[in-house]
Amino acid sequence: MNANDEFGRMKEVVETISHYAQIYHNGNVELVSYDGEHVKVKMGGACEGCPLMPWTLKMTVERTIHDLFPNVKSVEAV
């Protein structure tokens, strides 16, 4: 799989997570960058400023990404 395909796959995964966040929490997640090992996302909507945002990032976004992309070393919100 080339880098463009992998980036596209990551974008789809983050969009799926964002869709869930929109439906259930009125929040959203946007892929900012992905270099094959490090993922940066922007948490928005109700997630922005929410005291549970770090939990959502760790337990939902990061876990899902690590399950599907085991080569990812870090997931962070920017």
PDB file of N, CA and C in Angstrom:
ATOM      1  N   MET A   1       0.842  -1.175   0.000  1.00  0.00           N
ATOM      2  CA  MET A   1       0.000   0.000   0.000  1.00  0.00           C
ATOM      3  C   MET A   1       0.887   1.237   0.000  1.00  0.00           C
ATOM      4  N   ASN A   2       0.592   2.173  -0.896  1.00  0.00           N
ATOM      5  CA  ASN A   2       1.418   3.380  -0.939  1.00  0.00           C
ATOM      6  C   ASN A   2       0.944   4.397   0.094  1.00  0.00           C
ATOM      7  N   ALA A   3       1.727   5.436   0.275  1.00  0.00           N
ATOM      8  CA  ALA A   3       1.462   6.435   1.320  1.00  0.00           C
ATOM      9  C   ALA A   3       0.126   7.136   1.115  1.00  0.00           C
ATOM     10  N   ASN A   4      -0.243   7.404  -0.142  1.00  0.00           N
ATOM     11  CA  ASN A   4      -1.524   8.063  -0.408  1.00  0.00           C
ATOM     12  C   ASN A   4      -2.696   7.190  -0.013  1.00  0.00           C
ATOM     13  N   ASP A   5      -2.605   5.890  -0.295  1.00  0.00           N
ATOM     14  CA  ASP A   5      -3.664   4.956   0.086  1.00  0.00           C
ATOM     15  C   ASP A   5      -3.794   4.885   1.603  1.00  0.00           C
ATOM     16  N   GLU A   6      -2.653   4.832   2.291  1.00  0.00           N
ATOM     17  CA  GLU A   6      -2.667   4.735   3.745  1.00  0.00           C
ATOM     18  C   GLU A   6      -3.219   6.019   4.366  1.00  0.00           C
ATOM     19  N   PHE A   7      -2.851   7.171   3.816  1.00  0.00           N
ATOM     20  CA  PHE A   7      -3.393   8.433   4.317  1.00  0.00           C
ATOM     21  C   PHE A   7      -4.914   8.462   4.110  1.00  0.00           C
ATOM     22  N   GLY A   8      -5.363   8.033   2.948  1.00  0.00           N
ATOM     23  CA  GLY A   8      -6.796   7.992   2.656  1.00  0.00           C
ATOM     24  C   GLY A   8      -7.538   7.069   3.602  1.00  0.00           C
ATOM     25  N   ARG A   9      -6.934   5.947   3.908  1.00  0.00           N
ATOM     26  CA  ARG A   9      -7.538   5.004   4.856  1.00  0.00           C
ATOM     27  C   ARG A   9      -7.607   5.631   6.253  1.00  0.00           C
ATOM     28  N   MET A  10      -6.548   6.306   6.666  1.00  0.00           N
ATOM     29  CA  MET A  10      -6.550   6.977   7.967  1.00  0.00           C
ATOM     30  C   MET A  10      -7.633   8.054   8.002  1.00  0.00           C
ATOM     31  N   LYS A  11      -7.741   8.813   6.937  1.00  0.00           N
ATOM     32  CA  LYS A  11      -8.755   9.870   6.859  1.00  0.00           C
ATOM     33  C   LYS A  11     -10.158   9.276   7.012  1.00  0.00           C
ATOM     34  N   GLU A  12     -10.415   8.149   6.369  1.00  0.00           N
ATOM     35  CA  GLU A  12     -11.713   7.489   6.487  1.00  0.00           C
ATOM     36  C   GLU A  12     -11.982   7.029   7.918  1.00  0.00           C
ATOM     37  N   VAL A  13     -10.978   6.494   8.585  1.00  0.00           N
ATOM     38  CA  VAL A  13     -11.122   6.043   9.968  1.00  0.00           C
ATOM     39  C   VAL A  13     -11.464   7.230  10.868  1.00  0.00           C
ATOM     40  N   VAL A  14     -10.737   8.328  10.722  1.00  0.00           N
ATOM     41  CA  VAL A  14     -10.995   9.503  11.555  1.00  0.00           C
ATOM     42  C   VAL A  14     -12.377  10.083  11.249  1.00  0.00           C
ATOM     43  N   GLU A  15     -12.786  10.076   9.987  1.00  0.00           N
ATOM     44  CA  GLU A  15     -14.124  10.556   9.631  1.00  0.00           C
ATOM     45  C   GLU A  15     -15.212   9.679  10.251  1.00  0.00           C
ATOM     46  N   THR A  16     -14.980   8.377  10.317  1.00  0.00           N
ATOM     47  CA  THR A  16     -15.937   7.467  10.949  1.00  0.00           C
ATOM     48  C   THR A  16     -16.039   7.752  12.446  1.00  0.00           C
ATOM     49  N   ILE A  17     -14.899   7.953  13.096  1.00  0.00           N
ATOM     50  CA  ILE A  17     -14.895   8.313  14.521  1.00  0.00           C
ATOM     51  C   ILE A  17     -15.633   9.638  14.708  1.00  0.00           C
ATOM     52  N   SER A  18     -15.390  10.598  13.831  1.00  0.00           N
ATOM     53  CA  SER A  18     -16.037  11.902  13.920  1.00  0.00           C
ATOM     54  C   SER A  18     -17.545  11.777  13.759  1.00  0.00           C
ATOM     55  N   HIS A  19     -17.966  10.935  12.845  1.00  0.00           N
ATOM     56  CA  HIS A  19     -19.404  10.714  12.636  1.00  0.00           C
ATOM     57  C   HIS A  19     -20.052  10.213  13.927  1.00  0.00           C
ATOM     58  N   TYR A  20     -19.422   9.268  14.580  1.00  0.00           N
ATOM     59  CA  TYR A  20     -19.909   8.757  15.867  1.00  0.00           C
ATOM     60  C   TYR A  20     -19.968   9.896  16.889  1.00  0.00           C
ATOM     61  N   ALA A  21     -18.915  10.691  16.963  1.00  0.00           N
ATOM     62  CA  ALA A  21     -18.865  11.798  17.922  1.00  0.00           C
ATOM     63  C   ALA A  21     -19.967  12.816  17.646  1.00  0.00           C
ATOM     64  N   GLN A  22     -20.258  13.067  16.377  1.00  0.00           N
ATOM     65  CA  GLN A  22     -21.310  14.021  16.023  1.00  0.00           C
ATOM     66  C   GLN A  22     -22.679  13.512  16.457  1.00  0.00           C
ATOM     67  N   ILE A  23     -22.938  12.253  16.194  1.00  0.00           N
ATOM     68  CA  ILE A  23     -24.246  11.680  16.513  1.00  0.00           C
ATOM     69  C   ILE A  23     -24.477  11.623  18.023  1.00  0.00           C
ATOM     70  N   TYR A  24     -23.499  11.134  18.749  1.00  0.00           N
ATOM     71  CA  TYR A  24     -23.704  10.849  20.170  1.00  0.00           C
ATOM     72  C   TYR A  24     -23.256  11.953  21.123  1.00  0.00           C
ATOM     73  N   HIS A  25     -22.389  12.855  20.678  1.00  0.00           N
ATOM     74  CA  HIS A  25     -21.838  13.839  21.611  1.00  0.00           C
ATOM     75  C   HIS A  25     -21.810  15.258  21.060  1.00  0.00           C
ATOM     76  N   ASN A  26     -22.270  15.460  19.829  1.00  0.00           N
ATOM     77  CA  ASN A  26     -22.242  16.769  19.182  1.00  0.00           C
ATOM     78  C   ASN A  26     -20.808  17.316  19.054  1.00  0.00           C
ATOM     79  N   GLY A  27     -19.855  16.398  18.948  1.00  0.00           N
ATOM     80  CA  GLY A  27     -18.459  16.780  18.768  1.00  0.00           C
ATOM     81  C   GLY A  27     -17.975  16.340  17.400  1.00  0.00           C
ATOM     82  N   ASN A  28     -16.708  16.600  17.109  1.00  0.00           N
ATOM     83  CA  ASN A  28     -16.142  16.114  15.858  1.00  0.00           C
ATOM     84  C   ASN A  28     -14.628  15.967  15.991  1.00  0.00           C
ATOM     85  N   VAL A  29     -14.076  15.172  15.090  1.00  0.00           N
ATOM     86  CA  VAL A  29     -12.643  14.910  15.047  1.00  0.00           C
ATOM     87  C   VAL A  29     -12.200  15.087  13.596  1.00  0.00           C
ATOM     88  N   GLU A  30     -11.123  15.828  13.400  1.00  0.00           N
ATOM     89  CA  GLU A  30     -10.620  16.093  12.054  1.00  0.00           C
ATOM     90  C   GLU A  30      -9.150  15.684  11.977  1.00  0.00           C
ATOM     91  N   LEU A  31      -8.794  14.960  10.932  1.00  0.00           N
ATOM     92  CA  LEU A  31      -7.401  14.585  10.713  1.00  0.00           C
ATOM     93  C   LEU A  31      -6.623  15.814  10.262  1.00  0.00           C
ATOM     94  N   VAL A  32      -5.570  16.152  11.000  1.00  0.00           N
ATOM     95  CA  VAL A  32      -4.713  17.285  10.659  1.00  0.00           C
ATOM     96  C   VAL A  32      -3.502  16.793   9.885  1.00  0.00           C
ATOM     97  N   SER A  33      -2.847  15.736  10.400  1.00  0.00           N
ATOM     98  CA  SER A  33      -1.693  15.186   9.696  1.00  0.00           C
ATOM     99  C   SER A  33      -1.478  13.733  10.093  1.00  0.00           C
ATOM    100  N   TYR A  34      -0.828  13.014   9.187  1.00  0.00           N
ATOM    101  CA  TYR A  34      -0.469  11.611   9.400  1.00  0.00           C
ATOM    102  C   TYR A  34       0.754  11.326   8.552  1.00  0.00           C
ATOM    103  N   ASP A  35       1.842  10.915   9.216  1.00  0.00           N
ATOM    104  CA  ASP A  35       3.089  10.670   8.482  1.00  0.00           C
ATOM    105  C   ASP A  35       3.477   9.188   8.450  1.00  0.00           C
ATOM    106  N   GLY A  36       2.548   8.325   8.803  1.00  0.00           N
ATOM    107  CA  GLY A  36       2.839   6.892   8.825  1.00  0.00           C
ATOM    108  C   GLY A  36       3.104   6.374  10.227  1.00  0.00           C
ATOM    109  N   GLU A  37       3.515   7.257  11.131  1.00  0.00           N
ATOM    110  CA  GLU A  37       3.778   6.863  12.523  1.00  0.00           C
ATOM    111  C   GLU A  37       3.108   7.775  13.540  1.00  0.00           C
ATOM    112  N   HIS A  38       2.831   9.012  13.154  1.00  0.00           N
ATOM    113  CA  HIS A  38       2.280   9.992  14.086  1.00  0.00           C
ATOM    114  C   HIS A  38       1.022  10.609  13.494  1.00  0.00           C
ATOM    115  N   VAL A  39      -0.020  10.665  14.320  1.00  0.00           N
ATOM    116  CA  VAL A  39      -1.306  11.202  13.892  1.00  0.00           C
ATOM    117  C   VAL A  39      -1.618  12.434  14.726  1.00  0.00           C
ATOM    118  N   LYS A  40      -2.039  13.494  14.056  1.00  0.00           N
ATOM    119  CA  LYS A  40      -2.510  14.692  14.747  1.00  0.00           C
ATOM    120  C   LYS A  40      -3.944  14.936  14.312  1.00  0.00           C
ATOM    121  N   VAL A  41      -4.802  15.161  15.319  1.00  0.00           N
ATOM    122  CA  VAL A  41      -6.208  15.412  15.056  1.00  0.00           C
ATOM    123  C   VAL A  41      -6.626  16.696  15.751  1.00  0.00           C
ATOM    124  N   LYS A  42      -7.698  17.283  15.254  1.00  0.00           N
ATOM    125  CA  LYS A  42      -8.292  18.453  15.897  1.00  0.00           C
ATOM    126  C   LYS A  42      -9.653  18.005  16.424  1.00  0.00           C
ATOM    127  N   MET A  43      -9.854  18.205  17.716  1.00  0.00           N
ATOM    128  CA  MET A  43     -11.124  17.879  18.355  1.00  0.00           C
ATOM    129  C   MET A  43     -11.957  19.153  18.343  1.00  0.00           C
ATOM    130  N   GLY A  44     -13.190  19.063  17.853  1.00  0.00           N
ATOM    131  CA  GLY A  44     -14.022  20.256  17.747  1.00  0.00           C
ATOM    132  C   GLY A  44     -15.434  20.015  18.234  1.00  0.00           C
ATOM    133  N   GLY A  45     -16.284  20.961  17.967  1.00  0.00           N
ATOM    134  CA  GLY A  45     -17.664  20.883  18.417  1.00  0.00           C
ATOM    135  C   GLY A  45     -17.708  20.805  19.933  1.00  0.00           C
ATOM    136  N   ALA A  46     -18.553  19.940  20.463  1.00  0.00           N
ATOM    137  CA  ALA A  46     -18.687  19.791  21.913  1.00  0.00           C
ATOM    138  C   ALA A  46     -17.418  19.242  22.556  1.00  0.00           C
ATOM    139  N   CYS A  47     -16.537  18.619  21.776  1.00  0.00           N
ATOM    140  CA  CYS A  47     -15.274  18.092  22.326  1.00  0.00           C
ATOM    141  C   CYS A  47     -14.327  19.219  22.731  1.00  0.00           C
ATOM    142  N   GLU A  48     -14.412  20.338  22.026  1.00  0.00           N
ATOM    143  CA  GLU A  48     -13.515  21.458  22.292  1.00  0.00           C
ATOM    144  C   GLU A  48     -13.809  22.040  23.674  1.00  0.00           C
ATOM    145  N   GLY A  49     -12.827  21.977  24.539  1.00  0.00           N
ATOM    146  CA  GLY A  49     -12.984  22.492  25.892  1.00  0.00           C
ATOM    147  C   GLY A  49     -13.665  21.545  26.864  1.00  0.00           C
ATOM    148  N   CYS A  50     -14.094  20.383  26.393  1.00  0.00           N
ATOM    149  CA  CYS A  50     -14.761  19.415  27.267  1.00  0.00           C
ATOM    150  C   CYS A  50     -13.732  18.770  28.198  1.00  0.00           C
ATOM    151  N   PRO A  51     -14.045  18.642  29.491  1.00  0.00           N
ATOM    152  CA  PRO A  51     -13.092  18.023  30.408  1.00  0.00           C
ATOM    153  C   PRO A  51     -12.845  16.536  30.107  1.00  0.00           C
ATOM    154  N   LEU A  52     -13.734  15.909  29.355  1.00  0.00           N
ATOM    155  CA  LEU A  52     -13.553  14.497  28.994  1.00  0.00           C
ATOM    156  C   LEU A  52     -12.833  14.309  27.662  1.00  0.00           C
ATOM    157  N   MET A  53     -12.437  15.404  27.012  1.00  0.00           N
ATOM    158  CA  MET A  53     -11.760  15.303  25.724  1.00  0.00           C
ATOM    159  C   MET A  53     -10.510  14.432  25.785  1.00  0.00           C
ATOM    160  N   PRO A  54      -9.647  14.544  26.813  1.00  0.00           N
ATOM    161  CA  PRO A  54      -8.470  13.662  26.858  1.00  0.00           C
ATOM    162  C   PRO A  54      -8.857  12.177  26.919  1.00  0.00           C
ATOM    163  N   TRP A  55      -9.928  11.853  27.619  1.00  0.00           N
ATOM    164  CA  TRP A  55     -10.406  10.469  27.694  1.00  0.00           C
ATOM    165  C   TRP A  55     -10.888  10.026  26.311  1.00  0.00           C
ATOM    166  N   THR A  56     -11.669  10.863  25.649  1.00  0.00           N
ATOM    167  CA  THR A  56     -12.163  10.534  24.306  1.00  0.00           C
ATOM    168  C   THR A  56     -10.998  10.325  23.347  1.00  0.00           C
ATOM    169  N   LEU A  57     -10.007  11.199  23.427  1.00  0.00           N
ATOM    170  CA  LEU A  57      -8.834  11.069  22.562  1.00  0.00           C
ATOM    171  C   LEU A  57      -8.129   9.740  22.811  1.00  0.00           C
ATOM    172  N   LYS A  58      -7.884   9.411  24.066  1.00  0.00           N
ATOM    173  CA  LYS A  58      -7.131   8.202  24.425  1.00  0.00           C
ATOM    174  C   LYS A  58      -7.944   6.928  24.190  1.00  0.00           C
ATOM    175  N   MET A  59      -9.159   6.886  24.723  1.00  0.00           N
ATOM    176  CA  MET A  59      -9.941   5.646  24.747  1.00  0.00           C
ATOM    177  C   MET A  59     -10.712   5.379  23.448  1.00  0.00           C
ATOM    178  N   THR A  60     -11.029   6.404  22.701  1.00  0.00           N
ATOM    179  CA  THR A  60     -11.788   6.198  21.467  1.00  0.00           C
ATOM    180  C   THR A  60     -10.910   6.390  20.235  1.00  0.00           C
ATOM    181  N   VAL A  61     -10.360   7.574  20.094  1.00  0.00           N
ATOM    182  CA  VAL A  61      -9.595   7.882  18.885  1.00  0.00           C
ATOM    183  C   VAL A  61      -8.308   7.052  18.827  1.00  0.00           C
ATOM    184  N   GLU A  62      -7.486   7.141  19.870  1.00  0.00           N
ATOM    185  CA  GLU A  62      -6.195   6.448  19.854  1.00  0.00           C
ATOM    186  C   GLU A  62      -6.364   4.930  19.796  1.00  0.00           C
ATOM    187  N   ARG A  63      -7.251   4.381  20.582  1.00  0.00           N
ATOM    188  CA  ARG A  63      -7.447   2.912  20.569  1.00  0.00           C
ATOM    189  C   ARG A  63      -7.901   2.419  19.208  1.00  0.00           C
ATOM    190  N   THR A  64      -8.848   3.130  18.601  1.00  0.00           N
ATOM    191  CA  THR A  64      -9.341   2.717  17.278  1.00  0.00           C
ATOM    192  C   THR A  64      -8.221   2.773  16.251  1.00  0.00           C
ATOM    193  N   ILE A  65      -7.453   3.856  16.266  1.00  0.00           N
ATOM    194  CA  ILE A  65      -6.349   3.995  15.315  1.00  0.00           C
ATOM    195  C   ILE A  65      -5.308   2.907  15.543  1.00  0.00           C
ATOM    196  N   HIS A  66      -4.937   2.644  16.797  1.00  0.00           N
ATOM    197  CA  HIS A  66      -3.930   1.603  17.059  1.00  0.00           C
ATOM    198  C   HIS A  66      -4.426   0.219  16.657  1.00  0.00           C
ATOM    199  N   ASP A  67      -5.707  -0.048  16.823  1.00  0.00           N
ATOM    200  CA  ASP A  67      -6.262  -1.338  16.393  1.00  0.00           C
ATOM    201  C   ASP A  67      -6.118  -1.533  14.887  1.00  0.00           C
ATOM    202  N   LEU A  68      -6.311  -0.460  14.117  1.00  0.00           N
ATOM    203  CA  LEU A  68      -6.305  -0.552  12.660  1.00  0.00           C
ATOM    204  C   LEU A  68      -4.954  -0.224  12.024  1.00  0.00           C
ATOM    205  N   PHE A  69      -4.116   0.505  12.750  1.00  0.00           N
ATOM    206  CA  PHE A  69      -2.797   0.925  12.261  1.00  0.00           C
ATOM    207  C   PHE A  69      -1.772   0.652  13.360  1.00  0.00           C
ATOM    208  N   PRO A  70      -1.345  -0.585  13.535  1.00  0.00           N
ATOM    209  CA  PRO A  70      -0.429  -0.922  14.632  1.00  0.00           C
ATOM    210  C   PRO A  70       0.929  -0.219  14.550  1.00  0.00           C
ATOM    211  N   ASN A  71       1.283   0.324  13.390  1.00  0.00           N
ATOM    212  CA  ASN A  71       2.564   1.019  13.240  1.00  0.00           C
ATOM    213  C   ASN A  71       2.536   2.445  13.800  1.00  0.00           C
ATOM    214  N   VAL A  72       1.371   2.950  14.162  1.00  0.00           N
ATOM    215  CA  VAL A  72       1.248   4.322  14.678  1.00  0.00           C
ATOM    216  C   VAL A  72       1.853   4.374  16.079  1.00  0.00           C
ATOM    217  N   LYS A  73       2.733   5.350  16.290  1.00  0.00           N
ATOM    218  CA  LYS A  73       3.416   5.496  17.579  1.00  0.00           C
ATOM    219  C   LYS A  73       2.744   6.532  18.473  1.00  0.00           C
ATOM    220  N   SER A  74       2.078   7.536  17.885  1.00  0.00           N
ATOM    221  CA  SER A  74       1.435   8.539  18.721  1.00  0.00           C
ATOM    222  C   SER A  74       0.200   9.111  18.045  1.00  0.00           C
ATOM    223  N   VAL A  75      -0.762   9.475  18.890  1.00  0.00           N
ATOM    224  CA  VAL A  75      -1.965  10.168  18.444  1.00  0.00           C
ATOM    225  C   VAL A  75      -2.123  11.356  19.382  1.00  0.00           C
ATOM    226  N   GLU A  76      -2.174  12.550  18.823  1.00  0.00           N
ATOM    227  CA  GLU A  76      -2.303  13.722  19.686  1.00  0.00           C
ATOM    228  C   GLU A  76      -3.282  14.730  19.111  1.00  0.00           C
ATOM    229  N   ALA A  77      -3.908  15.473  20.009  1.00  0.00           N
ATOM    230  CA  ALA A  77      -4.802  16.550  19.608  1.00  0.00           C
ATOM    231  C   ALA A  77      -3.999  17.836  19.506  1.00  0.00           C
ATOM    232  N   VAL A  78      -4.277  18.619  18.474  1.00  0.00           N
ATOM    233  CA  VAL A  78      -3.603  19.907  18.287  1.00  0.00           C
ATOM    234  C   VAL A  78      -4.618  21.014  18.202  1.00  0.00           C
TER     235      VAL A  78
END
